Amino acid sequence: MTPAVGRPVRVTSIGFGQLSLEDIVSVVDREGARGTDLIALPELCRGWDPEPLLGPTVTAMSELASRHSTYVVCPIDRLEDGPRHNSAVLIDRGGKVACVYDKVYPYWGELTDIAPPATPGSEVPVYQADFGRVAMAICFDVNFPELWKEMSAKDCELVIWPSAYSAGMSLHAHSLMYHYYIVTCTQRCDCIVCDITGEEMLYERSEGLNVTRVTLDLDRCLFHLDFNPPKLERLLADHGDDVEVERTLDREGWFLLRAKRPRASARELAREYGMEELRDYISRSLREIDDIRGAPFAASAR
């Protein structure tokens, strides 16, 4: 794996099936003490045991987030005065709730086998953390591309996916289409890390408890070979000590740009030279072609 250089973020995925709150606290405390930017726990980390947003689980994780100055993604069965939600709660480095994602596409058992049933969420927030733009999706959400497209439209750089199962290639497809990192944390005690190219950077699985630690460079950026090569040539001529082409994907017509040293930014330098990242190129093409057509392309109308 290429070491992170430009904008490194350390992510720790802690996967398990069932643990008591005391045991979860012990593991999170240990991993936080090692130093990390974000700790992720699996879907419904306390099981189907309803509690309010500021109940015992989030309260315990908030204390640990503050103690170790780390973000924590804490999924809970959330029930207060209103509807019940399968939620992922993002806690910031100060221990405050920064963002709450309510599962947009609950699994059928969540709608039929528990009372009250889970209520589908309606929003996909993308949170500006101090290391980059992070979003969350949960388990069955993996089957619905519109949710993943929405995260891309909001300039997400990293998706944390707590789940009951592993999903595999479905996740690769989303990172391939939308060019953000995906890090999973599951009740299967495994972790997949998908690169911005859609390729699997890492897969780890353990019995009973899986802890995966990975450092990602959020400054790495992906470009199409359309229109960019002359600008790239000038960029490398002027800043060859700062940035480099990590690799070229010939069949896709893409290339990856990365910083060579910590104080350099491949993304910022590329913008200075008028280079357009792949995701922006596709989004702009969509908008401008729809304008020429006079309406968005609607496959459902065919």
Protein backbone atom coordinates (compact mmCIF):
# COMPACT_ATOMS: atom_id res chain seq x y z
CA MET A 1 0.00 0.00 0.00
CA THR A 2 1.26 3.47 -0.88
CA PRO A 3 2.10 5.37 2.32
CA ALA A 4 -0.01 8.45 3.03
CA VAL A 5 1.78 11.75 2.41
CA GLY A 6 -0.36 14.76 1.50
CA ARG A 7 -3.35 14.68 3.89
CA PRO A 8 -3.03 11.56 6.02
CA VAL A 9 -5.93 10.34 8.12
CA ARG A 10 -5.59 7.37 10.45
CA VAL A 11 -8.72 5.21 10.60
CA THR A 12 -9.31 2.34 13.02
CA SER A 13 -12.09 -0.16 12.28
CA ILE A 14 -13.19 -2.28 15.26
CA GLY A 15 -15.41 -5.17 14.16
CA PHE A 16 -17.23 -7.59 16.44
CA GLY A 17 -20.46 -9.51 16.78
CA GLN A 18 -21.50 -8.96 20.38
CA LEU A 19 -19.61 -7.18 23.15
CA SER A 20 -20.77 -5.59 26.38
CA LEU A 21 -20.49 -1.83 26.69
CA GLU A 22 -17.67 -2.38 29.19
CA ASP A 23 -15.72 -4.44 26.65
CA ILE A 24 -16.38 -1.93 23.85
CA VAL A 25 -15.09 0.87 26.08
CA SER A 26 -11.95 -1.16 26.84
CA VAL A 27 -11.14 -1.77 23.17
CA VAL A 28 -11.89 1.81 22.07
CA ASP A 29 -9.84 3.18 24.97
CA ARG A 30 -6.88 1.00 23.98
CA GLU A 31 -7.07 1.97 20.32
CA GLY A 32 -7.55 5.64 21.08
CA ALA A 33 -4.43 5.59 23.24
CA ARG A 34 -2.44 4.29 20.25
CA GLY A 35 -3.30 7.45 18.34
CA THR A 36 -5.86 7.61 15.55
CA ASP A 37 -8.07 10.17 13.82
CA LEU A 38 -11.25 8.12 13.60
CA ILE A 39 -12.53 4.95 15.25
CA ALA A 40 -15.46 3.09 13.67
CA LEU A 41 -17.72 0.55 15.37
CA PRO A 42 -20.06 -1.92 13.60
CA GLU A 43 -23.76 -1.51 12.91
CA LEU A 44 -25.92 -1.60 16.07
CA CYS A 45 -22.83 -2.11 18.19
CA ARG A 46 -25.05 -2.75 21.26
CA GLY A 47 -27.61 -4.82 19.34
CA TRP A 48 -31.35 -4.07 19.17
CA ASP A 49 -31.39 -2.29 22.51
CA PRO A 50 -33.10 1.10 22.03
CA GLU A 51 -31.58 4.14 23.70
CA PRO A 52 -31.71 7.91 23.20
CA LEU A 53 -29.04 9.77 21.27
CA LEU A 54 -27.28 10.80 24.46
CA GLY A 55 -27.79 7.43 26.12
CA PRO A 56 -25.13 5.19 27.68
CA THR A 57 -23.33 4.16 24.46
CA VAL A 58 -22.84 7.61 22.92
CA THR A 59 -22.04 9.06 26.34
CA ALA A 60 -19.28 6.48 26.87
CA MET A 61 -17.86 6.96 23.37
CA SER A 62 -17.99 10.75 23.76
CA GLU A 63 -15.83 10.56 26.85
CA LEU A 64 -13.28 8.41 25.00
CA ALA A 65 -13.33 10.66 21.92
CA SER A 66 -12.52 13.63 24.13
CA ARG A 67 -9.88 11.74 26.13
CA HIS A 68 -7.99 10.65 23.02
CA SER A 69 -8.88 13.57 20.72
CA THR A 70 -10.34 11.32 18.06
CA TYR A 71 -13.55 11.06 16.06
CA VAL A 72 -15.75 8.03 16.76
CA VAL A 73 -18.48 6.54 14.55
CA CYS A 74 -20.91 4.96 17.04
CA PRO A 75 -23.91 3.09 15.52
CA ILE A 76 -26.91 2.69 17.82
CA ASP A 77 -30.57 1.66 17.89
CA ARG A 78 -31.91 5.18 18.50
CA LEU A 79 -35.31 5.74 20.06
CA GLU A 80 -36.41 8.86 21.88
CA ASP A 81 -39.83 10.52 21.87
CA GLY A 82 -40.26 10.18 18.13
CA PRO A 83 -39.51 7.45 15.58
CA ARG A 84 -36.97 4.65 15.93
CA HIS A 85 -33.84 4.83 13.76
CA ASN A 86 -30.87 2.63 12.98
CA SER A 87 -28.33 5.44 13.36
CA ALA A 88 -24.61 6.07 13.01
CA VAL A 89 -23.47 8.87 15.30
CA LEU A 90 -20.28 10.78 14.49
CA ILE A 91 -18.64 12.15 17.63
CA ASP A 92 -15.95 14.81 17.24
CA ARG A 93 -12.57 15.11 18.93
CA GLY A 94 -14.08 17.17 21.74
CA GLY A 95 -16.65 14.51 22.54
CA LYS A 96 -19.62 16.32 21.01
CA VAL A 97 -22.12 14.81 18.57
CA ALA A 98 -21.07 16.24 15.22
CA CYS A 99 -23.41 14.44 12.86
CA VAL A 100 -26.13 11.77 12.90
CA TYR A 101 -26.94 9.55 9.94
CA ASP A 102 -30.20 7.60 10.02
CA LYS A 103 -30.17 4.53 7.80
CA VAL A 104 -32.04 5.48 4.63
CA TYR A 105 -32.75 1.90 3.52
CA PRO A 106 -33.47 -0.35 6.53
CA TYR A 107 -33.41 -4.10 5.96
CA TRP A 108 -36.86 -5.74 5.84
CA GLY A 109 -36.48 -7.30 9.27
CA GLU A 110 -36.06 -3.82 10.72
CA LEU A 111 -39.46 -2.90 9.27
CA THR A 112 -41.35 -6.05 10.21
CA ASP A 113 -39.67 -7.90 13.10
CA ILE A 114 -39.16 -5.21 15.74
CA ALA A 115 -41.60 -2.89 17.50
CA PRO A 116 -41.69 -0.07 16.90
CA PRO A 117 -40.17 -0.63 13.43
CA ALA A 118 -37.19 1.33 12.23
CA THR A 119 -38.10 4.51 10.36
CA PRO A 120 -36.16 5.14 7.12
CA GLY A 121 -33.94 8.19 7.20
CA SER A 122 -34.30 10.92 4.59
CA GLU A 123 -30.94 12.71 4.49
CA VAL A 124 -27.33 11.83 3.69
CA PRO A 125 -25.14 14.30 5.58
CA VAL A 126 -21.50 14.82 4.65
CA TYR A 127 -19.54 16.26 7.57
CA GLN A 128 -16.51 18.52 7.27
CA ALA A 129 -14.10 17.00 9.79
CA ASP A 130 -10.71 18.57 10.40
CA PHE A 131 -9.09 15.94 8.16
CA GLY A 132 -11.63 15.97 5.31
CA ARG A 133 -15.23 15.35 4.29
CA VAL A 134 -16.70 12.19 5.78
CA ALA A 135 -20.06 10.45 5.33
CA MET A 136 -21.69 7.32 6.69
CA ALA A 137 -23.90 4.60 5.22
CA ILE A 138 -25.18 1.45 6.92
CA CYS A 139 -25.45 -2.16 5.75
CA PHE A 140 -28.47 -2.54 3.38
CA ASP A 141 -27.78 0.98 2.06
CA VAL A 142 -25.09 -0.61 -0.10
CA ASN A 143 -27.77 -1.76 -2.57
CA PHE A 144 -29.04 1.70 -3.52
CA PRO A 145 -26.74 3.73 -5.80
CA GLU A 146 -28.65 7.01 -5.43
CA LEU A 147 -27.49 7.29 -1.81
CA TRP A 148 -23.85 6.86 -2.82
CA LYS A 149 -24.24 9.33 -5.67
CA GLU A 150 -25.61 11.88 -3.20
CA MET A 151 -22.48 11.55 -1.06
CA SER A 152 -20.37 12.20 -4.14
CA ALA A 153 -22.45 15.25 -5.06
CA LYS A 154 -21.62 16.63 -1.59
CA ASP A 155 -17.87 16.15 -2.20
CA CYS A 156 -17.41 13.25 0.21
CA GLU A 157 -13.83 11.99 0.52
CA LEU A 158 -14.28 9.11 2.98
CA VAL A 159 -17.29 6.86 3.64
CA ILE A 160 -17.51 4.82 6.83
CA TRP A 161 -19.81 1.80 6.37
CA PRO A 162 -20.86 -0.01 9.57
CA SER A 163 -22.68 -3.23 8.73
CA ALA A 164 -23.89 -6.65 9.80
CA TYR A 165 -22.25 -8.25 6.74
CA SER A 166 -19.32 -7.68 4.42
CA ALA A 167 -20.86 -6.79 0.99
CA GLY A 168 -17.57 -6.97 -0.92
CA MET A 169 -17.82 -6.07 -4.61
CA SER A 170 -20.86 -3.83 -4.16
CA LEU A 171 -18.67 -1.46 -2.17
CA HIS A 172 -15.93 -1.62 -4.78
CA ALA A 173 -18.49 -0.50 -7.36
CA HIS A 174 -19.39 2.63 -5.39
CA SER A 175 -15.78 3.66 -4.81
CA LEU A 176 -15.10 2.99 -8.50
CA MET A 177 -18.00 5.17 -9.65
CA TYR A 178 -17.59 8.02 -7.17
CA HIS A 179 -13.89 8.02 -6.26
CA TYR A 180 -13.94 8.21 -2.49
CA TYR A 181 -12.36 5.88 0.04
CA ILE A 182 -14.66 3.41 1.80
CA VAL A 183 -13.76 1.79 5.13
CA THR A 184 -16.04 -0.89 6.54
CA CYS A 185 -16.65 -2.11 10.08
CA THR A 186 -18.81 -5.17 10.47
CA GLN A 187 -20.39 -7.67 12.80
CA ARG A 188 -18.60 -10.30 10.66
CA CYS A 189 -15.38 -9.13 12.34
CA ASP A 190 -13.84 -7.92 9.09
CA CYS A 191 -12.82 -4.73 7.33
CA ILE A 192 -12.58 -3.79 3.65
CA VAL A 193 -10.74 -0.66 2.55
CA CYS A 194 -11.62 0.50 -0.96
CA ASP A 195 -9.35 2.90 -2.82
CA ILE A 196 -10.64 5.87 -4.83
CA THR A 197 -10.07 3.73 -7.93
CA GLY A 198 -12.52 1.07 -6.70
CA GLU A 199 -9.72 -1.39 -5.98
CA GLU A 200 -9.37 -3.21 -2.68
CA MET A 201 -6.51 -1.71 -0.72
CA LEU A 202 -6.87 -3.98 2.29
CA TYR A 203 -8.99 -6.80 3.68
CA GLU A 204 -8.66 -8.15 7.21
CA ARG A 205 -10.76 -10.58 9.20
CA SER A 206 -10.34 -12.04 12.67
CA GLU A 207 -12.26 -14.34 14.96
CA GLY A 208 -14.32 -12.63 17.64
CA LEU A 209 -12.73 -9.19 17.33
CA ASN A 210 -11.10 -7.52 14.34
CA VAL A 211 -9.04 -4.34 14.61
CA THR A 212 -7.85 -2.84 11.33
CA ARG A 213 -5.64 0.24 11.30
CA VAL A 214 -5.12 2.07 8.02
CA THR A 215 -3.70 5.45 7.03
CA LEU A 216 -5.24 7.09 3.97
CA ASP A 217 -4.00 10.06 1.95
CA LEU A 218 -7.02 12.25 1.21
CA ASP A 219 -4.92 14.46 -1.04
CA ARG A 220 -4.47 11.76 -3.71
CA CYS A 221 -6.55 12.71 -6.73
CA LEU A 222 -7.75 11.01 -9.89
CA PHE A 223 -7.87 12.56 -13.37
CA HIS A 224 -9.04 11.56 -16.83
CA LEU A 225 -6.53 11.65 -19.65
CA ASP A 226 -8.94 13.87 -21.58
CA PHE A 227 -7.54 17.43 -21.74
CA ASN A 228 -5.21 17.11 -18.71
CA PRO A 229 -1.86 15.81 -20.08
CA PRO A 230 -0.47 19.17 -21.31
CA LYS A 231 -1.31 20.75 -17.95
CA LEU A 232 0.21 17.78 -16.13
CA GLU A 233 3.41 18.13 -18.14
CA ARG A 234 3.77 21.78 -17.07
CA LEU A 235 2.93 20.91 -13.46
CA LEU A 236 5.59 18.19 -13.26
CA ALA A 237 8.16 20.41 -14.96
CA ASP A 238 7.62 23.10 -12.32
CA HIS A 239 6.91 20.93 -9.26
CA GLY A 240 8.48 17.55 -9.90
CA ASP A 241 9.93 17.57 -6.39
CA ASP A 242 6.48 18.07 -4.88
CA VAL A 243 4.13 15.77 -6.81
CA GLU A 244 4.24 12.69 -9.00
CA VAL A 245 2.01 10.45 -11.05
CA GLU A 246 1.48 7.48 -8.74
CA ARG A 247 0.17 5.31 -11.57
CA THR A 248 -1.66 5.43 -14.88
CA LEU A 249 -4.67 3.22 -15.52
CA ASP A 250 -4.45 2.86 -19.28
CA ARG A 251 -7.68 0.97 -19.93
CA GLU A 252 -9.71 3.43 -17.86
CA GLY A 253 -7.90 6.46 -19.27
CA TRP A 254 -7.11 7.71 -15.76
CA PHE A 255 -4.06 8.72 -13.77
CA LEU A 256 -3.46 9.19 -10.03
CA LEU A 257 -1.57 12.19 -8.73
CA ARG A 258 -0.02 12.24 -5.28
CA ALA A 259 2.20 14.47 -3.16
CA LYS A 260 5.80 13.37 -2.65
CA ARG A 261 6.34 15.20 0.62
CA PRO A 262 4.10 16.18 3.54
CA ARG A 263 3.93 19.93 2.97
CA ALA A 264 2.94 19.60 -0.70
CA SER A 265 -0.63 19.21 -1.98
CA ALA A 266 -1.20 17.43 -5.27
CA ARG A 267 -4.81 18.63 -5.32
CA GLU A 268 -3.99 22.30 -4.78
CA LEU A 269 -1.18 22.31 -7.33
CA ALA A 270 -3.36 20.53 -9.90
CA ARG A 271 -6.01 23.22 -9.48
CA GLU A 272 -3.41 25.95 -9.95
CA TYR A 273 -2.56 24.41 -13.31
CA GLY A 274 -6.20 24.17 -14.38
CA MET A 275 -6.53 20.40 -14.04
CA GLU A 276 -10.02 19.03 -13.44
CA GLU A 277 -10.43 16.00 -11.20
CA LEU A 278 -12.27 13.03 -12.66
CA ARG A 279 -15.33 13.33 -10.42
CA ASP A 280 -15.67 17.04 -11.29
CA TYR A 281 -15.21 16.28 -14.99
CA ILE A 282 -18.03 13.73 -14.96
CA SER A 283 -20.34 16.01 -12.93
CA ARG A 284 -19.71 18.99 -15.22
CA SER A 285 -20.27 16.83 -18.29
CA LEU A 286 -23.58 15.64 -16.87
CA ARG A 287 -24.80 19.18 -16.19
CA GLU A 288 -23.73 20.64 -19.52
CA ILE A 289 -25.04 17.76 -21.64
CA ASP A 290 -28.37 17.90 -19.81
CA ASP A 291 -28.51 21.63 -20.57
CA ILE A 292 -27.94 20.94 -24.27
CA ARG A 293 -30.65 18.25 -24.19
CA GLY A 294 -33.00 20.62 -22.39
CA ALA A 295 -33.78 18.21 -19.57
CA PRO A 296 -32.08 15.59 -17.44
CA PHE A 297 -31.80 12.14 -18.98
CA ALA A 298 -34.50 10.01 -17.38
CA ALA A 299 -33.91 6.30 -17.95
CA SER A 300 -37.20 5.49 -16.22
CA ALA A 301 -39.12 7.34 -18.96
CA ARG A 302 -37.92 5.01 -21.75
